[in-house]
């Protein structure tokens, strides 16, 4: 930390934040639910609500930003995947946007865009 004053609390480093975002963007993928079921069974899956940015949530989880994560959880915009939701994704043969923030796999349901494919 350059020119830090003794006792000063440092804020997030904007450059490091952008590097983390870029890394996470490169690690996102659309993954079939059948490949995600094992993470659900292990309790390692967390769902990001449709109104949230998957990468912003992943950054907050990676940075252990308890304030933001707790607020999203209270607003039901982030949290565990329910058994009913898992069953619905299974029945729909869904594919979800995913990013790993160990030990979690964050998932987000988004509508398919016609003419676009991940593979």
PDB file of N, CA and C in Angstrom:
ATOM      1  N   UNK A   1       0.848  -1.164   0.000  1.00  0.00           N
ATOM      2  CA  UNK A   1       0.000   0.000   0.000  1.00  0.00           C
ATOM      3  C   UNK A   1       0.895   1.229   0.000  1.00  0.00           C
ATOM      4  N   UNK A   2       0.769   2.051  -0.993  1.00  0.00           N
ATOM      5  CA  UNK A   2       1.615   3.235  -1.121  1.00  0.00           C
ATOM      6  C   UNK A   2       1.100   4.368  -0.247  1.00  0.00           C
ATOM      7  N   UNK A   3       2.019   5.082   0.370  1.00  0.00           N
ATOM      8  CA  UNK A   3       1.714   6.280   1.145  1.00  0.00           C
ATOM      9  C   UNK A   3       0.623   6.065   2.193  1.00  0.00           C
ATOM     10  N   UNK A   4       0.553   4.888   2.755  1.00  0.00           N
ATOM     11  CA  UNK A   4      -0.460   4.622   3.771  1.00  0.00           C
ATOM     12  C   UNK A   4      -0.054   5.278   5.079  1.00  0.00           C
ATOM     13  N   UNK A   5      -1.017   5.878   5.733  1.00  0.00           N
ATOM     14  CA  UNK A   5      -0.771   6.498   7.029  1.00  0.00           C
ATOM     15  C   UNK A   5      -0.942   5.435   8.105  1.00  0.00           C
ATOM     16  N   UNK A   6      -0.108   5.497   9.144  1.00  0.00           N
ATOM     17  CA  UNK A   6      -0.260   4.520  10.226  1.00  0.00           C
ATOM     18  C   UNK A   6      -1.672   4.567  10.791  1.00  0.00           C
ATOM     19  N   UNK A   7      -2.271   3.394  10.961  1.00  0.00           N
ATOM     20  CA  UNK A   7      -3.615   3.316  11.516  1.00  0.00           C
ATOM     21  C   UNK A   7      -4.722   3.556  10.511  1.00  0.00           C
ATOM     22  N   UNK A   8      -4.379   3.910   9.271  1.00  0.00           N
ATOM     23  CA  UNK A   8      -5.411   4.155   8.264  1.00  0.00           C
ATOM     24  C   UNK A   8      -5.972   2.827   7.773  1.00  0.00           C
ATOM     25  N   UNK A   9      -7.257   2.814   7.536  1.00  0.00           N
ATOM     26  CA  UNK A   9      -7.908   1.617   7.004  1.00  0.00           C
ATOM     27  C   UNK A   9      -7.981   1.768   5.493  1.00  0.00           C
ATOM     28  N   UNK A  10      -7.428   0.802   4.801  1.00  0.00           N
ATOM     29  CA  UNK A  10      -7.403   0.866   3.339  1.00  0.00           C
ATOM     30  C   UNK A  10      -8.737   0.411   2.768  1.00  0.00           C
ATOM     31  N   UNK A  11      -9.176   1.076   1.730  1.00  0.00           N
ATOM     32  CA  UNK A  11     -10.368   0.655   1.002  1.00  0.00           C
ATOM     33  C   UNK A  11      -9.975  -0.350  -0.058  1.00  0.00           C
ATOM     34  N   UNK A  12     -10.951  -0.845  -0.793  1.00  0.00           N
ATOM     35  CA  UNK A  12     -10.627  -1.803  -1.841  1.00  0.00           C
ATOM     36  C   UNK A  12      -9.745  -1.163  -2.909  1.00  0.00           C
ATOM     37  N   UNK A  13      -8.805  -1.905  -3.389  1.00  0.00           N
ATOM     38  CA  UNK A  13      -7.919  -1.448  -4.451  1.00  0.00           C
ATOM     39  C   UNK A  13      -8.680  -1.555  -5.770  1.00  0.00           C
ATOM     40  N   UNK A  14      -8.984  -0.412  -6.423  1.00  0.00           N
ATOM     41  CA  UNK A  14      -9.776  -0.454  -7.654  1.00  0.00           C
ATOM     42  C   UNK A  14      -9.143  -1.318  -8.746  1.00  0.00           C
ATOM     43  N   UNK A  15      -7.820  -1.297  -8.837  1.00  0.00           N
ATOM     44  CA  UNK A  15      -7.147  -2.102  -9.860  1.00  0.00           C
ATOM     45  C   UNK A  15      -7.308  -3.595  -9.566  1.00  0.00           C
ATOM     46  N   UNK A  16      -7.157  -3.971  -8.317  1.00  0.00           N
ATOM     47  CA  UNK A  16      -7.331  -5.377  -7.929  1.00  0.00           C
ATOM     48  C   UNK A  16      -8.773  -5.810  -8.147  1.00  0.00           C
ATOM     49  N   UNK A  17      -9.710  -4.913  -7.873  1.00  0.00           N
ATOM     50  CA  UNK A  17     -11.135  -5.201  -8.075  1.00  0.00           C
ATOM     51  C   UNK A  17     -11.421  -5.474  -9.549  1.00  0.00           C
ATOM     52  N   UNK A  18     -10.872  -4.649 -10.425  1.00  0.00           N
ATOM     53  CA  UNK A  18     -11.069  -4.849 -11.866  1.00  0.00           C
ATOM     54  C   UNK A  18     -10.401  -6.130 -12.346  1.00  0.00           C
ATOM     55  N   UNK A  19      -9.228  -6.448 -11.801  1.00  0.00           N
ATOM     56  CA  UNK A  19      -8.552  -7.700 -12.155  1.00  0.00           C
ATOM     57  C   UNK A  19      -9.399  -8.900 -11.755  1.00  0.00           C
ATOM     58  N   UNK A  20      -9.979  -8.841 -10.555  1.00  0.00           N
ATOM     59  CA  UNK A  20     -10.824  -9.936 -10.088  1.00  0.00           C
ATOM     60  C   UNK A  20     -12.058 -10.072 -10.974  1.00  0.00           C
ATOM     61  N   UNK A  21     -12.687  -8.941 -11.309  1.00  0.00           N
ATOM     62  CA  UNK A  21     -13.856  -8.985 -12.197  1.00  0.00           C
ATOM     63  C   UNK A  21     -13.504  -9.608 -13.539  1.00  0.00           C
ATOM     64  N   UNK A  22     -12.381  -9.189 -14.109  1.00  0.00           N
ATOM     65  CA  UNK A  22     -11.963  -9.729 -15.410  1.00  0.00           C
ATOM     66  C   UNK A  22     -11.722 -11.231 -15.319  1.00  0.00           C
ATOM     67  N   UNK A  23     -11.091 -11.671 -14.241  1.00  0.00           N
ATOM     68  CA  UNK A  23     -10.834 -13.104 -14.038  1.00  0.00           C
ATOM     69  C   UNK A  23     -12.153 -13.872 -13.950  1.00  0.00           C
ATOM     70  N   UNK A  24     -13.093 -13.356 -13.174  1.00  0.00           N
ATOM     71  CA  UNK A  24     -14.375 -14.032 -13.001  1.00  0.00           C
ATOM     72  C   UNK A  24     -15.183 -14.068 -14.296  1.00  0.00           C
ATOM     73  N   UNK A  25     -15.132 -12.997 -15.069  1.00  0.00           N
ATOM     74  CA  UNK A  25     -15.836 -12.983 -16.361  1.00  0.00           C
ATOM     75  C   UNK A  25     -15.322 -14.110 -17.248  1.00  0.00           C
ATOM     76  N   UNK A  26     -14.010 -14.296 -17.269  1.00  0.00           N
ATOM     77  CA  UNK A  26     -13.422 -15.358 -18.092  1.00  0.00           C
ATOM     78  C   UNK A  26     -13.804 -16.749 -17.595  1.00  0.00           C
ATOM     79  N   UNK A  27     -14.179 -16.852 -16.334  1.00  0.00           N
ATOM     80  CA  UNK A  27     -14.500 -18.151 -15.743  1.00  0.00           C
ATOM     81  C   UNK A  27     -15.991 -18.466 -15.731  1.00  0.00           C
ATOM     82  N   UNK A  28     -16.821 -17.587 -16.283  1.00  0.00           N
ATOM     83  CA  UNK A  28     -18.252 -17.877 -16.333  1.00  0.00           C
ATOM     84  C   UNK A  28     -18.558 -18.780 -17.511  1.00  0.00           C
ATOM     85  N   UNK A  29     -19.581 -19.579 -17.332  1.00  0.00           N
ATOM     86  CA  UNK A  29     -20.014 -20.471 -18.413  1.00  0.00           C
ATOM     87  C   UNK A  29     -21.459 -20.863 -18.171  1.00  0.00           C
ATOM     88  N   UNK A  30     -22.124 -21.206 -19.242  1.00  0.00           N
ATOM     89  CA  UNK A  30     -23.465 -21.759 -19.139  1.00  0.00           C
ATOM     90  C   UNK A  30     -23.288 -23.264 -18.989  1.00  0.00           C
ATOM     91  N   UNK A  31     -23.827 -23.812 -17.902  1.00  0.00           N
ATOM     92  CA  UNK A  31     -23.612 -25.218 -17.561  1.00  0.00           C
ATOM     93  C   UNK A  31     -24.965 -25.910 -17.392  1.00  0.00           C
ATOM     94  N   UNK A  32     -25.109 -27.104 -17.966  1.00  0.00           N
ATOM     95  CA  UNK A  32     -26.363 -27.852 -17.793  1.00  0.00           C
ATOM     96  C   UNK A  32     -26.583 -28.233 -16.324  1.00  0.00           C
ATOM     97  N   UNK A  33     -27.843 -28.195 -15.915  1.00  0.00           N
ATOM     98  CA  UNK A  33     -28.177 -28.547 -14.539  1.00  0.00           C
ATOM     99  C   UNK A  33     -27.653 -29.931 -14.173  1.00  0.00           C
ATOM    100  N   UNK A  34     -27.679 -30.861 -15.110  1.00  0.00           N
ATOM    101  CA  UNK A  34     -27.209 -32.219 -14.811  1.00  0.00           C
ATOM    102  C   UNK A  34     -25.756 -32.217 -14.334  1.00  0.00           C
ATOM    103  N   UNK A  35     -24.958 -31.261 -14.784  1.00  0.00           N
ATOM    104  CA  UNK A  35     -23.562 -31.159 -14.340  1.00  0.00           C
ATOM    105  C   UNK A  35     -23.430 -30.424 -13.001  1.00  0.00           C
ATOM    106  N   UNK A  36     -24.493 -29.735 -12.596  1.00  0.00           N
ATOM    107  CA  UNK A  36     -24.452 -28.948 -11.359  1.00  0.00           C
ATOM    108  C   UNK A  36     -25.075 -29.675 -10.172  1.00  0.00           C
ATOM    109  N   UNK A  37     -25.802 -30.752 -10.446  1.00  0.00           N
ATOM    110  CA  UNK A  37     -26.534 -31.453  -9.385  1.00  0.00           C
ATOM    111  C   UNK A  37     -25.628 -31.912  -8.242  1.00  0.00           C
ATOM    112  N   UNK A  38     -24.415 -32.332  -8.569  1.00  0.00           N
ATOM    113  CA  UNK A  38     -23.508 -32.821  -7.519  1.00  0.00           C
ATOM    114  C   UNK A  38     -23.140 -31.706  -6.540  1.00  0.00           C
ATOM    115  N   UNK A  39     -23.038 -30.474  -7.035  1.00  0.00           N
ATOM    116  CA  UNK A  39     -22.729 -29.347  -6.151  1.00  0.00           C
ATOM    117  C   UNK A  39     -23.933 -29.010  -5.271  1.00  0.00           C
ATOM    118  N   UNK A  40     -25.134 -29.158  -5.836  1.00  0.00           N
ATOM    119  CA  UNK A  40     -26.356 -28.978  -5.054  1.00  0.00           C
ATOM    120  C   UNK A  40     -26.397 -30.008  -3.926  1.00  0.00           C
ATOM    121  N   UNK A  41     -26.098 -31.259  -4.258  1.00  0.00           N
ATOM    122  CA  UNK A  41     -26.124 -32.335  -3.262  1.00  0.00           C
ATOM    123  C   UNK A  41     -25.115 -32.090  -2.140  1.00  0.00           C
ATOM    124  N   UNK A  42     -24.011 -31.443  -2.454  1.00  0.00           N
ATOM    125  CA  UNK A  42     -22.969 -31.147  -1.452  1.00  0.00           C
ATOM    126  C   UNK A  42     -23.252 -29.861  -0.668  1.00  0.00           C
ATOM    127  N   UNK A  43     -24.302 -29.134  -1.057  1.00  0.00           N
ATOM    128  CA  UNK A  43     -24.603 -27.873  -0.389  1.00  0.00           C
ATOM    129  C   UNK A  43     -23.679 -26.743  -0.794  1.00  0.00           C
ATOM    130  N   UNK A  44     -23.101 -26.837  -1.998  1.00  0.00           N
ATOM    131  CA  UNK A  44     -22.132 -25.837  -2.459  1.00  0.00           C
ATOM    132  C   UNK A  44     -22.686 -24.910  -3.534  1.00  0.00           C
ATOM    133  N   UNK A  45     -23.987 -24.946  -3.760  1.00  0.00           N
ATOM    134  CA  UNK A  45     -24.587 -24.143  -4.816  1.00  0.00           C
ATOM    135  C   UNK A  45     -25.321 -22.956  -4.200  1.00  0.00           C
ATOM    136  N   UNK A  46     -25.132 -21.781  -4.763  1.00  0.00           N
ATOM    137  CA  UNK A  46     -25.844 -20.587  -4.318  1.00  0.00           C
ATOM    138  C   UNK A  46     -26.449 -19.914  -5.542  1.00  0.00           C
ATOM    139  N   UNK A  47     -27.700 -19.493  -5.414  1.00  0.00           N
ATOM    140  CA  UNK A  47     -28.419 -18.885  -6.530  1.00  0.00           C
ATOM    141  C   UNK A  47     -28.385 -17.366  -6.438  1.00  0.00           C
ATOM    142  N   UNK A  48     -28.079 -16.740  -7.563  1.00  0.00           N
ATOM    143  CA  UNK A  48     -28.090 -15.284  -7.693  1.00  0.00           C
ATOM    144  C   UNK A  48     -29.405 -14.905  -8.368  1.00  0.00           C
ATOM    145  N   UNK A  49     -30.121 -13.968  -7.784  1.00  0.00           N
ATOM    146  CA  UNK A  49     -31.419 -13.558  -8.307  1.00  0.00           C
ATOM    147  C   UNK A  49     -31.321 -12.874  -9.658  1.00  0.00           C
ATOM    148  N   UNK A  50     -32.439 -12.859 -10.383  1.00  0.00           N
ATOM    149  CA  UNK A  50     -32.444 -12.305 -11.737  1.00  0.00           C
ATOM    150  C   UNK A  50     -32.140 -10.811 -11.801  1.00  0.00           C
ATOM    151  N   UNK A  51     -32.339 -10.088 -10.714  1.00  0.00           N
ATOM    152  CA  UNK A  51     -32.075  -8.656 -10.715  1.00  0.00           C
ATOM    153  C   UNK A  51     -30.642  -8.290 -10.384  1.00  0.00           C
ATOM    154  N   UNK A  52     -29.811  -9.287 -10.140  1.00  0.00           N
ATOM    155  CA  UNK A  52     -28.428  -9.040  -9.740  1.00  0.00           C
ATOM    156  C   UNK A  52     -27.459  -9.357 -10.871  1.00  0.00           C
ATOM    157  N   UNK A  53     -26.291  -8.752 -10.804  1.00  0.00           N
ATOM    158  CA  UNK A  53     -25.216  -9.051 -11.744  1.00  0.00           C
ATOM    159  C   UNK A  53     -24.390 -10.190 -11.150  1.00  0.00           C
ATOM    160  N   UNK A  54     -24.313 -11.303 -11.867  1.00  0.00           N
ATOM    161  CA  UNK A  54     -23.606 -12.488 -11.384  1.00  0.00           C
ATOM    162  C   UNK A  54     -22.175 -12.158 -10.969  1.00  0.00           C
ATOM    163  N   UNK A  55     -21.484 -11.362 -11.759  1.00  0.00           N
ATOM    164  CA  UNK A  55     -20.084 -11.038 -11.470  1.00  0.00           C
ATOM    165  C   UNK A  55     -19.968 -10.147 -10.233  1.00  0.00           C
ATOM    166  N   UNK A  56     -20.855  -9.166 -10.089  1.00  0.00           N
ATOM    167  CA  UNK A  56     -20.813  -8.310  -8.896  1.00  0.00           C
ATOM    168  C   UNK A  56     -21.023  -9.130  -7.624  1.00  0.00           C
ATOM    169  N   UNK A  57     -21.950 -10.079  -7.685  1.00  0.00           N
ATOM    170  CA  UNK A  57     -22.194 -10.936  -6.526  1.00  0.00           C
ATOM    171  C   UNK A  57     -20.971 -11.813  -6.264  1.00  0.00           C
ATOM    172  N   UNK A  58     -20.385 -12.356  -7.320  1.00  0.00           N
ATOM    173  CA  UNK A  58     -19.192 -13.200  -7.165  1.00  0.00           C
ATOM    174  C   UNK A  58     -18.043 -12.414  -6.535  1.00  0.00           C
ATOM    175  N   UNK A  59     -17.859 -11.169  -6.947  1.00  0.00           N
ATOM    176  CA  UNK A  59     -16.809 -10.325  -6.361  1.00  0.00           C
ATOM    177  C   UNK A  59     -17.084 -10.117  -4.871  1.00  0.00           C
ATOM    178  N   UNK A  60     -18.326  -9.824  -4.520  1.00  0.00           N
ATOM    179  CA  UNK A  60     -18.670  -9.608  -3.112  1.00  0.00           C
ATOM    180  C   UNK A  60     -18.420 -10.865  -2.283  1.00  0.00           C
ATOM    181  N   UNK A  61     -18.754 -12.028  -2.832  1.00  0.00           N
ATOM    182  CA  UNK A  61     -18.514 -13.289  -2.118  1.00  0.00           C
ATOM    183  C   UNK A  61     -17.010 -13.524  -1.977  1.00  0.00           C
ATOM    184  N   UNK A  62     -16.270 -13.309  -3.058  1.00  0.00           N
ATOM    185  CA  UNK A  62     -14.815 -13.510  -3.026  1.00  0.00           C
ATOM    186  C   UNK A  62     -14.149 -12.567  -2.027  1.00  0.00           C
ATOM    187  N   UNK A  63     -14.656 -11.355  -1.910  1.00  0.00           N
ATOM    188  CA  UNK A  63     -14.093 -10.351  -1.001  1.00  0.00           C
ATOM    189  C   UNK A  63     -14.658 -10.468   0.418  1.00  0.00           C
ATOM    190  N   UNK A  64     -15.557 -11.436   0.617  1.00  0.00           N
ATOM    191  CA  UNK A  64     -16.189 -11.644   1.918  1.00  0.00           C
ATOM    192  C   UNK A  64     -16.877 -10.369   2.397  1.00  0.00           C
ATOM    193  N   UNK A  65     -17.599  -9.721   1.469  1.00  0.00           N
ATOM    194  CA  UNK A  65     -18.326  -8.487   1.761  1.00  0.00           C
ATOM    195  C   UNK A  65     -19.659  -8.854   2.424  1.00  0.00           C
ATOM    196  N   UNK A  66     -19.591  -9.079   3.719  1.00  0.00           N
ATOM    197  CA  UNK A  66     -20.750  -9.566   4.473  1.00  0.00           C
ATOM    198  C   UNK A  66     -21.946  -8.623   4.381  1.00  0.00           C
ATOM    199  N   UNK A  67     -21.705  -7.329   4.358  1.00  0.00           N
ATOM    200  CA  UNK A  67     -22.795  -6.355   4.326  1.00  0.00           C
ATOM    201  C   UNK A  67     -23.626  -6.507   3.053  1.00  0.00           C
ATOM    202  N   UNK A  68     -22.953  -6.535   1.903  1.00  0.00           N
ATOM    203  CA  UNK A  68     -23.681  -6.664   0.630  1.00  0.00           C
ATOM    204  C   UNK A  68     -24.346  -8.025   0.509  1.00  0.00           C
ATOM    205  N   UNK A  69     -23.617  -9.076   0.856  1.00  0.00           N
ATOM    206  CA  UNK A  69     -24.166 -10.428   0.736  1.00  0.00           C
ATOM    207  C   UNK A  69     -25.391 -10.583   1.635  1.00  0.00           C
ATOM    208  N   UNK A  70     -25.309 -10.107   2.865  1.00  0.00           N
ATOM    209  CA  UNK A  70     -26.442 -10.202   3.789  1.00  0.00           C
ATOM    210  C   UNK A  70     -27.644  -9.428   3.251  1.00  0.00           C
ATOM    211  N   UNK A  71     -27.409  -8.245   2.689  1.00  0.00           N
ATOM    212  CA  UNK A  71     -28.513  -7.455   2.126  1.00  0.00           C
ATOM    213  C   UNK A  71     -29.197  -8.215   0.995  1.00  0.00           C
ATOM    214  N   UNK A  72     -28.413  -8.823   0.116  1.00  0.00           N
ATOM    215  CA  UNK A  72     -29.008  -9.605  -0.981  1.00  0.00           C
ATOM    216  C   UNK A  72     -29.787 -10.793  -0.440  1.00  0.00           C
ATOM    217  N   UNK A  73     -29.266 -11.424   0.590  1.00  0.00           N
ATOM    218  CA  UNK A  73     -29.969 -12.565   1.178  1.00  0.00           C
ATOM    219  C   UNK A  73     -31.301 -12.119   1.781  1.00  0.00           C
ATOM    220  N   UNK A  74     -31.303 -10.995   2.473  1.00  0.00           N
ATOM    221  CA  UNK A  74     -32.536 -10.478   3.069  1.00  0.00           C
ATOM    222  C   UNK A  74     -33.555 -10.102   2.003  1.00  0.00           C
ATOM    223  N   UNK A  75     -33.078  -9.656   0.843  1.00  0.00           N
ATOM    224  CA  UNK A  75     -33.962  -9.289  -0.272  1.00  0.00           C
ATOM    225  C   UNK A  75     -34.307 -10.493  -1.148  1.00  0.00           C
ATOM    226  N   UNK A  76     -33.827 -11.665  -0.750  1.00  0.00           N
ATOM    227  CA  UNK A  76     -34.032 -12.912  -1.501  1.00  0.00           C
ATOM    228  C   UNK A  76     -33.471 -12.820  -2.923  1.00  0.00           C
ATOM    229  N   UNK A  77     -32.345 -12.120  -3.044  1.00  0.00           N
ATOM    230  CA  UNK A  77     -31.655 -11.995  -4.325  1.00  0.00           C
ATOM    231  C   UNK A  77     -30.387 -12.847  -4.362  1.00  0.00           C
ATOM    232  N   UNK A  78     -30.133 -13.580  -3.280  1.00  0.00           N
ATOM    233  CA  UNK A  78     -28.973 -14.457  -3.204  1.00  0.00           C
ATOM    234  C   UNK A  78     -29.210 -15.448  -2.081  1.00  0.00           C
ATOM    235  N   UNK A  79     -28.885 -16.709  -2.332  1.00  0.00           N
ATOM    236  CA  UNK A  79     -29.029 -17.699  -1.270  1.00  0.00           C
ATOM    237  C   UNK A  79     -28.995 -19.117  -1.788  1.00  0.00           C
ATOM    238  N   UNK A  80     -29.374 -20.022  -0.902  1.00  0.00           N
ATOM    239  CA  UNK A  80     -29.311 -21.430  -1.249  1.00  0.00           C
ATOM    240  C   UNK A  80     -30.355 -21.784  -2.308  1.00  0.00           C
ATOM    241  N   UNK A  81     -30.062 -22.822  -3.037  1.00  0.00           N
ATOM    242  CA  UNK A  81     -30.996 -23.354  -4.027  1.00  0.00           C
ATOM    243  C   UNK A  81     -31.921 -24.314  -3.290  1.00  0.00           C
ATOM    244  N   UNK A  82     -33.227 -24.108  -3.433  1.00  0.00           N
ATOM    245  CA  UNK A  82     -34.188 -24.983  -2.764  1.00  0.00           C
ATOM    246  C   UNK A  82     -34.351 -26.286  -3.540  1.00  0.00           C
ATOM    247  N   UNK A  83     -34.865 -27.287  -2.857  1.00  0.00           N
ATOM    248  CA  UNK A  83     -35.130 -28.571  -3.510  1.00  0.00           C
ATOM    249  C   UNK A  83     -36.159 -28.402  -4.626  1.00  0.00           C
ATOM    250  N   UNK A  84     -37.164 -27.548  -4.407  1.00  0.00           N
ATOM    251  CA  UNK A  84     -38.169 -27.308  -5.453  1.00  0.00           C
ATOM    252  C   UNK A  84     -37.541 -26.679  -6.690  1.00  0.00           C
ATOM    253  N   UNK A  85     -36.634 -25.718  -6.476  1.00  0.00           N
ATOM    254  CA  UNK A  85     -35.964 -25.081  -7.615  1.00  0.00           C
ATOM    255  C   UNK A  85     -35.091 -26.085  -8.346  1.00  0.00           C
ATOM    256  N   UNK A  86     -34.365 -26.897  -7.607  1.00  0.00           N
ATOM    257  CA  UNK A  86     -33.510 -27.922  -8.215  1.00  0.00           C
ATOM    258  C   UNK A  86     -34.344 -28.878  -9.064  1.00  0.00           C
ATOM    259  N   UNK A  87     -35.498 -29.273  -8.547  1.00  0.00           N
ATOM    260  CA  UNK A  87     -36.387 -30.175  -9.290  1.00  0.00           C
ATOM    261  C   UNK A  87     -36.891 -29.504 -10.565  1.00  0.00           C
ATOM    262  N   UNK A  88     -37.253 -28.230 -10.472  1.00  0.00           N
ATOM    263  CA  UNK A  88     -37.739 -27.503 -11.654  1.00  0.00           C
ATOM    264  C   UNK A  88     -36.656 -27.422 -12.722  1.00  0.00           C
ATOM    265  N   UNK A  89     -35.419 -27.146 -12.323  1.00  0.00           N
ATOM    266  CA  UNK A  89     -34.319 -27.091 -13.292  1.00  0.00           C
ATOM    267  C   UNK A  89     -34.071 -28.455 -13.916  1.00  0.00           C
ATOM    268  N   UNK A  90     -34.193 -29.509 -13.107  1.00  0.00           N
ATOM    269  CA  UNK A  90     -34.012 -30.867 -13.621  1.00  0.00           C
ATOM    270  C   UNK A  90     -35.076 -31.174 -14.678  1.00  0.00           C
ATOM    271  N   UNK A  91     -36.329 -30.880 -14.344  1.00  0.00           N
ATOM    272  CA  UNK A  91     -37.437 -31.169 -15.261  1.00  0.00           C
ATOM    273  C   UNK A  91     -37.357 -30.347 -16.541  1.00  0.00           C
ATOM    274  N   UNK A  92     -36.817 -29.137 -16.450  1.00  0.00           N
ATOM    275  CA  UNK A  92     -36.707 -28.261 -17.620  1.00  0.00           C
ATOM    276  C   UNK A  92     -35.423 -28.504 -18.400  1.00  0.00           C
ATOM    277  N   UNK A  93     -34.574 -29.401 -17.897  1.00  0.00           N
ATOM    278  CA  UNK A  93     -33.266 -29.629 -18.519  1.00  0.00           C
ATOM    279  C   UNK A  93     -32.548 -28.285 -18.703  1.00  0.00           C
ATOM    280  N   UNK A  94     -32.551 -27.495 -17.638  1.00  0.00           N
ATOM    281  CA  UNK A  94     -32.052 -26.114 -17.681  1.00  0.00           C
ATOM    282  C   UNK A  94     -30.529 -26.047 -17.768  1.00  0.00           C
ATOM    283  N   UNK A  95     -30.070 -24.952 -18.342  1.00  0.00           N
ATOM    284  CA  UNK A  95     -28.659 -24.570 -18.303  1.00  0.00           C
ATOM    285  C   UNK A  95     -28.593 -23.231 -17.584  1.00  0.00           C
ATOM    286  N   UNK A  96     -27.608 -23.085 -16.706  1.00  0.00           N
ATOM    287  CA  UNK A  96     -27.498 -21.891 -15.881  1.00  0.00           C
ATOM    288  C   UNK A  96     -26.135 -21.250 -16.062  1.00  0.00           C
ATOM    289  N   UNK A  97     -26.102 -19.926 -15.935  1.00  0.00           N
ATOM    290  CA  UNK A  97     -24.821 -19.230 -15.916  1.00  0.00           C
ATOM    291  C   UNK A  97     -24.164 -19.531 -14.587  1.00  0.00           C
ATOM    292  N   UNK A  98     -22.892 -19.864 -14.608  1.00  0.00           N
ATOM    293  CA  UNK A  98     -22.184 -20.248 -13.390  1.00  0.00           C
ATOM    294  C   UNK A  98     -20.823 -19.572 -13.306  1.00  0.00           C
ATOM    295  N   UNK A  99     -20.385 -19.419 -12.081  1.00  0.00           N
ATOM    296  CA  UNK A  99     -19.018 -18.987 -11.806  1.00  0.00           C
ATOM    297  C   UNK A  99     -18.646 -19.582 -10.449  1.00  0.00           C
ATOM    298  N   UNK A 100     -17.422 -20.024 -10.331  1.00  0.00           N
ATOM    299  CA  UNK A 100     -16.958 -20.641  -9.092  1.00  0.00           C
ATOM    300  C   UNK A 100     -16.220 -19.609  -8.247  1.00  0.00           C
ATOM    301  N   UNK A 101     -16.654 -19.492  -6.999  1.00  0.00           N
ATOM    302  CA  UNK A 101     -15.942 -18.728  -5.976  1.00  0.00           C
ATOM    303  C   UNK A 101     -15.809 -19.716  -4.820  1.00  0.00           C
ATOM    304  N   UNK A 102     -14.722 -20.480  -4.861  1.00  0.00           N
ATOM    305  CA  UNK A 102     -14.541 -21.614  -3.951  1.00  0.00           C
ATOM    306  C   UNK A 102     -14.835 -21.220  -2.515  1.00  0.00           C
ATOM    307  N   UNK A 103     -15.565 -22.061  -1.803  1.00  0.00           N
ATOM    308  CA  UNK A 103     -16.041 -23.385  -2.187  1.00  0.00           C
ATOM    309  C   UNK A 103     -17.399 -23.371  -2.877  1.00  0.00           C
ATOM    310  N   UNK A 104     -17.882 -22.199  -3.245  1.00  0.00           N
ATOM    311  CA  UNK A 104     -19.227 -22.066  -3.805  1.00  0.00           C
ATOM    312  C   UNK A 104     -19.232 -22.103  -5.323  1.00  0.00           C
ATOM    313  N   UNK A 105     -20.340 -22.577  -5.855  1.00  0.00           N
ATOM    314  CA  UNK A 105     -20.640 -22.440  -7.273  1.00  0.00           C
ATOM    315  C   UNK A 105     -21.876 -21.547  -7.318  1.00  0.00           C
ATOM    316  N   UNK A 106     -21.718 -20.354  -7.876  1.00  0.00           N
ATOM    317  CA  UNK A 106     -22.833 -19.419  -7.985  1.00  0.00           C
ATOM    318  C   UNK A 106     -23.534 -19.665  -9.306  1.00  0.00           C
ATOM    319  N   UNK A 107     -24.854 -19.707  -9.275  1.00  0.00           N
ATOM    320  CA  UNK A 107     -25.633 -19.952 -10.487  1.00  0.00           C
ATOM    321  C   UNK A 107     -26.675 -18.863 -10.653  1.00  0.00           C
ATOM    322  N   UNK A 108     -27.009 -18.612 -11.919  1.00  0.00           N
ATOM    323  CA  UNK A 108     -28.046 -17.634 -12.212  1.00  0.00           C
ATOM    324  C   UNK A 108     -28.826 -18.101 -13.423  1.00  0.00           C
ATOM    325  N   UNK A 109     -30.132 -18.102 -13.261  1.00  0.00           N
ATOM    326  CA  UNK A 109     -31.018 -18.475 -14.353  1.00  0.00           C
ATOM    327  C   UNK A 109     -31.247 -17.239 -15.209  1.00  0.00           C
ATOM    328  N   UNK A 110     -30.960 -17.360 -16.491  1.00  0.00           N
ATOM    329  CA  UNK A 110     -31.203 -16.262 -17.425  1.00  0.00           C
ATOM    330  C   UNK A 110     -31.861 -16.834 -18.664  1.00  0.00           C
ATOM    331  N   UNK A 111     -32.692 -16.049 -19.327  1.00  0.00           N
ATOM    332  CA  UNK A 111     -33.334 -16.565 -20.532  1.00  0.00           C
ATOM    333  C   UNK A 111     -32.310 -16.838 -21.627  1.00  0.00           C
ATOM    334  N   UNK A 112     -32.561 -17.881 -22.375  1.00  0.00           N
ATOM    335  CA  UNK A 112     -31.712 -18.183 -23.530  1.00  0.00           C
ATOM    336  C   UNK A 112     -31.874 -17.058 -24.548  1.00  0.00           C
ATOM    337  N   UNK A 113     -30.790 -16.707 -25.208  1.00  0.00           N
ATOM    338  CA  UNK A 113     -30.861 -15.703 -26.263  1.00  0.00           C
ATOM    339  C   UNK A 113     -30.834 -16.424 -27.599  1.00  0.00           C
ATOM    340  N   UNK A 114     -31.862 -16.243 -28.413  1.00  0.00           N
ATOM    341  CA  UNK A 114     -31.903 -16.933 -29.701  1.00  0.00           C
ATOM    342  C   UNK A 114     -30.659 -16.635 -30.530  1.00  0.00           C
ATOM    343  N   UNK A 115     -30.138 -17.677 -31.148  1.00  0.00           N
ATOM    344  CA  UNK A 115     -28.994 -17.498 -32.035  1.00  0.00           C
ATOM    345  C   UNK A 115     -27.660 -17.445 -31.334  1.00  0.00           C
ATOM    346  N   UNK A 116     -27.657 -17.529 -30.004  1.00  0.00           N
ATOM    347  CA  UNK A 116     -26.392 -17.484 -29.269  1.00  0.00           C
ATOM    348  C   UNK A 116     -26.151 -18.821 -28.603  1.00  0.00           C
ATOM    349  N   UNK A 117     -24.920 -19.227 -28.610  1.00  0.00           N
ATOM    350  CA  UNK A 117     -24.542 -20.487 -27.990  1.00  0.00           C
ATOM    351  C   UNK A 117     -23.231 -20.296 -27.253  1.00  0.00           C
ATOM    352  N   UNK A 118     -23.073 -20.988 -26.142  1.00  0.00           N
ATOM    353  CA  UNK A 118     -21.836 -20.902 -25.384  1.00  0.00           C
ATOM    354  C   UNK A 118     -20.775 -21.776 -26.030  1.00  0.00           C
ATOM    355  N   UNK A 119     -21.193 -22.881 -26.638  1.00  0.00           N
ATOM    356  CA  UNK A 119     -20.222 -23.833 -27.198  1.00  0.00           C
ATOM    357  C   UNK A 119     -20.044 -23.635 -28.673  1.00  0.00           C
TER     358      UNK A 119
END
